[in-house]
C-alpha cells in the first residue's frame, strides 16, 4: 500500500511539473502576451482553443502550423503573427499543453 501511494505521489509530481514546464514555455516564448489559459486576451483563451479543435482530424498539426506561421480569421479580425523564436518541437509541446486545457 505504501509503495503504491509513493508511486502515485511521484507520478502526480511528474505530471504537474510537466504541465508547469509547458506554461513556463508559453511564457518564455511570449505566448502569454496575447493568450491566457481561461480568458480571452488579444487571442482566444487556450481552453477555448482546446474546445474548438478537440476531435478534429489533424488538429495538432494544424495548430503547430498556426503557432509557427501565424494565422488569421479563425478567431476574429486580429491576426496571430508568426513565431520564428519557437521551434517545431516547442510548438508541438505547446499545442499538446493547450489541447489539455479543456
N, C-alpha and C. Protein backbone atom coordinates (compact mmCIF):
# COMPACT_ATOMS: atom_id res chain seq x y z
N UNK A 1 0.81 -1.19 0.00
CA UNK A 1 0.00 0.00 0.00
C UNK A 1 0.86 1.26 0.00
N UNK A 2 1.89 1.27 0.87
CA UNK A 2 2.78 2.42 0.93
C UNK A 2 3.47 2.64 -0.42
N UNK A 3 3.88 1.54 -1.03
CA UNK A 3 4.58 1.63 -2.30
C UNK A 3 3.69 2.24 -3.38
N UNK A 4 2.42 1.83 -3.45
CA UNK A 4 1.52 2.39 -4.47
C UNK A 4 1.21 3.85 -4.19
N UNK A 5 1.13 4.23 -2.91
CA UNK A 5 0.91 5.64 -2.57
C UNK A 5 2.11 6.48 -3.00
N UNK A 6 3.30 5.98 -2.75
CA UNK A 6 4.52 6.69 -3.16
C UNK A 6 4.57 6.83 -4.67
N UNK A 7 4.22 5.76 -5.38
CA UNK A 7 4.22 5.80 -6.84
C UNK A 7 3.23 6.83 -7.36
N UNK A 8 2.04 6.85 -6.78
CA UNK A 8 1.03 7.84 -7.18
C UNK A 8 1.51 9.26 -6.93
N UNK A 9 2.15 9.48 -5.81
CA UNK A 9 2.66 10.81 -5.49
C UNK A 9 3.75 11.23 -6.47
N UNK A 10 4.63 10.30 -6.80
CA UNK A 10 5.70 10.61 -7.75
C UNK A 10 5.14 10.91 -9.13
N UNK A 11 4.19 10.11 -9.59
CA UNK A 11 3.59 10.35 -10.89
C UNK A 11 2.84 11.67 -10.92
N UNK A 12 2.15 11.98 -9.86
CA UNK A 12 1.43 13.25 -9.77
C UNK A 12 2.40 14.43 -9.85
N UNK A 13 3.51 14.33 -9.17
CA UNK A 13 4.51 15.39 -9.21
C UNK A 13 5.09 15.54 -10.61
N UNK A 14 5.32 14.43 -11.28
CA UNK A 14 5.87 14.48 -12.64
C UNK A 14 4.88 15.13 -13.59
N UNK A 15 3.61 14.80 -13.48
CA UNK A 15 2.59 15.35 -14.36
C UNK A 15 2.44 16.84 -14.11
N UNK A 16 2.35 17.26 -12.87
CA UNK A 16 2.18 18.68 -12.58
C UNK A 16 3.43 19.46 -12.96
N UNK A 17 4.62 18.89 -12.81
CA UNK A 17 5.84 19.56 -13.23
C UNK A 17 5.86 19.73 -14.73
N UNK A 18 5.41 18.72 -15.48
CA UNK A 18 5.35 18.83 -16.94
C UNK A 18 4.37 19.91 -17.37
N UNK A 19 3.23 19.98 -16.71
CA UNK A 19 2.24 20.99 -17.05
C UNK A 19 2.78 22.38 -16.74
N UNK A 20 3.47 22.51 -15.62
CA UNK A 20 4.05 23.80 -15.27
C UNK A 20 5.15 24.16 -16.24
N UNK A 21 5.94 23.19 -16.63
CA UNK A 21 7.02 23.46 -17.58
C UNK A 21 6.46 23.99 -18.89
N UNK A 22 5.32 23.47 -19.32
CA UNK A 22 4.73 23.94 -20.57
C UNK A 22 4.14 25.34 -20.42
N UNK A 23 3.60 25.66 -19.27
CA UNK A 23 3.14 27.03 -19.02
C UNK A 23 4.34 27.97 -19.01
N UNK A 24 5.43 27.51 -18.44
CA UNK A 24 6.66 28.31 -18.43
C UNK A 24 7.18 28.50 -19.85
N UNK A 25 7.08 27.47 -20.68
CA UNK A 25 7.50 27.58 -22.08
C UNK A 25 6.63 28.61 -22.80
N UNK A 26 5.34 28.60 -22.55
CA UNK A 26 4.43 29.57 -23.16
C UNK A 26 4.80 30.99 -22.74
N UNK A 27 5.17 31.16 -21.50
CA UNK A 27 5.61 32.48 -21.02
C UNK A 27 6.93 32.87 -21.67
N UNK A 28 7.87 31.93 -21.70
CA UNK A 28 9.20 32.21 -22.26
C UNK A 28 9.14 32.56 -23.75
N UNK A 29 8.20 31.98 -24.46
CA UNK A 29 8.08 32.23 -25.90
C UNK A 29 7.13 33.37 -26.20
N UNK A 30 6.69 34.08 -25.16
CA UNK A 30 5.86 35.28 -25.26
C UNK A 30 4.42 35.00 -25.70
N UNK A 31 3.97 33.76 -25.60
CA UNK A 31 2.60 33.41 -25.97
C UNK A 31 1.58 34.09 -25.04
N UNK A 32 1.96 34.24 -23.78
CA UNK A 32 1.04 34.78 -22.79
C UNK A 32 0.83 36.28 -22.94
N UNK A 33 1.54 36.92 -23.84
CA UNK A 33 1.30 38.34 -24.11
C UNK A 33 -0.06 38.52 -24.78
N UNK A 34 -0.48 37.52 -25.54
CA UNK A 34 -1.75 37.60 -26.28
C UNK A 34 -2.78 36.56 -25.85
N UNK A 35 -2.37 35.56 -25.09
CA UNK A 35 -3.27 34.46 -24.69
C UNK A 35 -3.22 34.25 -23.19
N UNK A 36 -4.26 33.67 -22.64
CA UNK A 36 -4.32 33.21 -21.26
C UNK A 36 -5.01 31.85 -21.28
N UNK A 37 -4.90 31.11 -20.22
CA UNK A 37 -5.50 29.78 -20.17
C UNK A 37 -7.02 29.86 -20.17
N UNK A 38 -7.59 30.72 -19.34
CA UNK A 38 -9.03 30.68 -19.12
C UNK A 38 -9.82 31.83 -19.73
N UNK A 39 -9.15 32.91 -20.13
CA UNK A 39 -9.91 34.05 -20.67
C UNK A 39 -9.23 34.63 -21.91
N UNK A 40 -10.06 35.25 -22.74
CA UNK A 40 -9.57 35.89 -23.96
C UNK A 40 -8.75 37.11 -23.59
N UNK A 41 -7.61 37.28 -24.27
CA UNK A 41 -6.82 38.50 -24.14
C UNK A 41 -6.91 39.15 -25.52
N UNK A 42 -5.85 39.18 -26.29
CA UNK A 42 -5.95 39.56 -27.71
C UNK A 42 -6.39 38.36 -28.53
N UNK A 43 -5.80 37.23 -28.19
CA UNK A 43 -6.16 35.97 -28.84
C UNK A 43 -7.08 35.17 -27.93
N UNK A 44 -7.57 34.06 -28.42
CA UNK A 44 -8.51 33.25 -27.63
C UNK A 44 -7.85 32.60 -26.41
N UNK A 45 -8.67 32.27 -25.43
CA UNK A 45 -8.20 31.51 -24.27
C UNK A 45 -7.80 30.12 -24.74
N UNK A 46 -6.78 29.58 -24.13
CA UNK A 46 -6.34 28.23 -24.51
C UNK A 46 -7.43 27.19 -24.30
N UNK A 47 -8.26 27.36 -23.27
CA UNK A 47 -9.35 26.39 -23.06
C UNK A 47 -10.35 26.44 -24.23
N UNK A 48 -10.53 27.63 -24.81
CA UNK A 48 -11.43 27.76 -25.96
C UNK A 48 -10.82 27.14 -27.21
N UNK A 49 -9.52 27.28 -27.37
CA UNK A 49 -8.82 26.64 -28.50
C UNK A 49 -8.96 25.13 -28.38
N UNK A 50 -8.72 24.61 -27.18
CA UNK A 50 -8.84 23.17 -26.96
C UNK A 50 -10.25 22.68 -27.26
N UNK A 51 -11.25 23.43 -26.80
CA UNK A 51 -12.64 23.04 -27.05
C UNK A 51 -12.96 23.04 -28.54
N UNK A 52 -12.47 24.03 -29.26
CA UNK A 52 -12.78 24.15 -30.69
C UNK A 52 -12.12 23.03 -31.51
N UNK A 53 -10.90 22.67 -31.17
CA UNK A 53 -10.14 21.74 -32.01
C UNK A 53 -10.17 20.29 -31.54
N UNK A 54 -10.68 20.03 -30.34
CA UNK A 54 -10.76 18.65 -29.86
C UNK A 54 -11.62 17.82 -30.81
N UNK A 55 -11.10 16.69 -31.22
CA UNK A 55 -11.83 15.79 -32.10
C UNK A 55 -11.66 16.08 -33.59
N UNK A 56 -11.02 17.19 -33.93
CA UNK A 56 -10.80 17.50 -35.35
C UNK A 56 -9.59 16.72 -35.86
N UNK A 57 -9.75 16.22 -37.06
CA UNK A 57 -8.67 15.48 -37.70
C UNK A 57 -7.48 16.42 -37.91
N UNK A 58 -6.29 15.96 -37.58
CA UNK A 58 -5.05 16.70 -37.77
C UNK A 58 -5.02 18.02 -37.00
N UNK A 59 -5.75 18.11 -35.90
CA UNK A 59 -5.80 19.36 -35.12
C UNK A 59 -4.41 19.75 -34.63
N UNK A 60 -3.65 18.78 -34.12
CA UNK A 60 -2.33 19.10 -33.59
C UNK A 60 -1.43 19.68 -34.68
N UNK A 61 -1.38 19.05 -35.84
CA UNK A 61 -0.54 19.55 -36.93
C UNK A 61 -1.02 20.92 -37.40
N UNK A 62 -2.32 21.11 -37.47
CA UNK A 62 -2.88 22.39 -37.90
C UNK A 62 -2.48 23.50 -36.92
N UNK A 63 -2.58 23.22 -35.63
CA UNK A 63 -2.24 24.23 -34.63
C UNK A 63 -0.75 24.49 -34.56
N UNK A 64 0.06 23.47 -34.74
CA UNK A 64 1.51 23.67 -34.78
C UNK A 64 1.85 24.62 -35.92
N UNK A 65 1.23 24.43 -37.07
CA UNK A 65 1.44 25.33 -38.20
C UNK A 65 1.04 26.76 -37.88
N UNK A 66 -0.07 26.93 -37.16
CA UNK A 66 -0.51 28.27 -36.79
C UNK A 66 0.45 28.92 -35.80
N UNK A 67 0.96 28.14 -34.87
CA UNK A 67 1.94 28.69 -33.92
C UNK A 67 3.18 29.16 -34.67
N UNK A 68 3.65 28.36 -35.60
CA UNK A 68 4.88 28.69 -36.32
C UNK A 68 4.70 29.80 -37.35
N UNK A 69 3.64 29.71 -38.15
CA UNK A 69 3.47 30.61 -39.30
C UNK A 69 2.48 31.75 -39.06
N UNK A 70 1.70 31.66 -37.97
CA UNK A 70 0.67 32.65 -37.71
C UNK A 70 -0.61 32.27 -38.43
N UNK A 71 -1.59 33.13 -38.34
CA UNK A 71 -2.86 32.86 -38.99
C UNK A 71 -3.82 34.02 -38.78
N UNK A 72 -4.95 33.95 -39.45
CA UNK A 72 -5.96 35.00 -39.29
C UNK A 72 -7.33 34.45 -39.65
N UNK A 73 -8.33 35.10 -39.09
CA UNK A 73 -9.70 34.78 -39.44
C UNK A 73 -10.39 33.73 -38.60
N UNK A 74 -9.65 32.85 -37.94
CA UNK A 74 -10.28 31.78 -37.18
C UNK A 74 -10.92 32.28 -35.88
N UNK A 75 -10.41 33.39 -35.34
CA UNK A 75 -10.88 33.90 -34.06
C UNK A 75 -11.22 35.38 -34.11
N UNK A 76 -11.41 35.92 -35.28
CA UNK A 76 -11.74 37.33 -35.38
C UNK A 76 -10.76 38.09 -36.25
N UNK A 77 -10.79 39.40 -36.12
CA UNK A 77 -10.04 40.27 -37.02
C UNK A 77 -8.55 40.39 -36.67
N UNK A 78 -8.16 40.13 -35.43
CA UNK A 78 -6.76 40.30 -35.03
C UNK A 78 -5.96 39.07 -35.48
N UNK A 79 -4.98 39.26 -36.37
CA UNK A 79 -4.19 38.12 -36.83
C UNK A 79 -3.16 37.68 -35.78
N UNK A 80 -2.81 36.42 -35.82
CA UNK A 80 -1.74 35.91 -34.97
C UNK A 80 -0.46 35.96 -35.80
N UNK A 81 0.57 36.62 -35.30
CA UNK A 81 1.81 36.70 -36.08
C UNK A 81 2.57 35.38 -36.06
N UNK A 82 3.48 35.22 -37.00
CA UNK A 82 4.39 34.07 -37.00
C UNK A 82 5.28 34.15 -35.76
N UNK A 83 5.78 33.02 -35.34
CA UNK A 83 6.62 32.95 -34.14
C UNK A 83 7.96 32.29 -34.47
N UNK A 84 8.87 33.01 -35.12
CA UNK A 84 10.15 32.41 -35.52
C UNK A 84 11.02 32.00 -34.33
N UNK A 85 10.73 32.50 -33.12
CA UNK A 85 11.50 32.14 -31.94
C UNK A 85 11.10 30.78 -31.38
N UNK A 86 10.06 30.17 -31.95
CA UNK A 86 9.56 28.87 -31.49
C UNK A 86 9.98 27.79 -32.48
N UNK A 87 10.63 26.75 -31.99
CA UNK A 87 11.00 25.62 -32.85
C UNK A 87 9.76 24.75 -33.07
N UNK A 88 9.84 23.86 -34.05
CA UNK A 88 8.71 22.96 -34.29
C UNK A 88 8.46 22.06 -33.08
N UNK A 89 9.51 21.58 -32.45
CA UNK A 89 9.35 20.73 -31.27
C UNK A 89 8.70 21.50 -30.13
N UNK A 90 9.10 22.76 -29.94
CA UNK A 90 8.48 23.58 -28.91
C UNK A 90 7.02 23.85 -29.23
N UNK A 91 6.73 24.12 -30.50
CA UNK A 91 5.34 24.36 -30.91
C UNK A 91 4.49 23.14 -30.63
N UNK A 92 5.00 21.96 -30.91
CA UNK A 92 4.26 20.73 -30.67
C UNK A 92 4.01 20.55 -29.16
N UNK A 93 5.02 20.83 -28.36
CA UNK A 93 4.86 20.75 -26.90
C UNK A 93 3.79 21.73 -26.43
N UNK A 94 3.84 22.96 -26.94
CA UNK A 94 2.85 23.96 -26.56
C UNK A 94 1.44 23.54 -26.97
N UNK A 95 1.29 23.03 -28.18
CA UNK A 95 -0.03 22.62 -28.67
C UNK A 95 -0.58 21.47 -27.83
N UNK A 96 0.25 20.52 -27.48
CA UNK A 96 -0.22 19.41 -26.63
C UNK A 96 -0.69 19.95 -25.28
N UNK A 97 0.04 20.89 -24.74
CA UNK A 97 -0.36 21.50 -23.47
C UNK A 97 -1.66 22.28 -23.64
N UNK A 98 -1.78 23.04 -24.70
CA UNK A 98 -3.01 23.81 -24.96
C UNK A 98 -4.20 22.87 -25.09
N UNK A 99 -4.03 21.78 -25.83
CA UNK A 99 -5.14 20.84 -26.02
C UNK A 99 -5.55 20.14 -24.73
N UNK A 100 -4.70 20.15 -23.74
CA UNK A 100 -5.03 19.55 -22.43
C UNK A 100 -5.78 20.52 -21.53
N UNK A 101 -6.03 21.75 -22.00
CA UNK A 101 -6.65 22.78 -21.17
C UNK A 101 -8.18 22.73 -21.19
N UNK A 102 -8.77 21.70 -21.75
CA UNK A 102 -10.24 21.61 -21.87
C UNK A 102 -10.96 21.84 -20.57
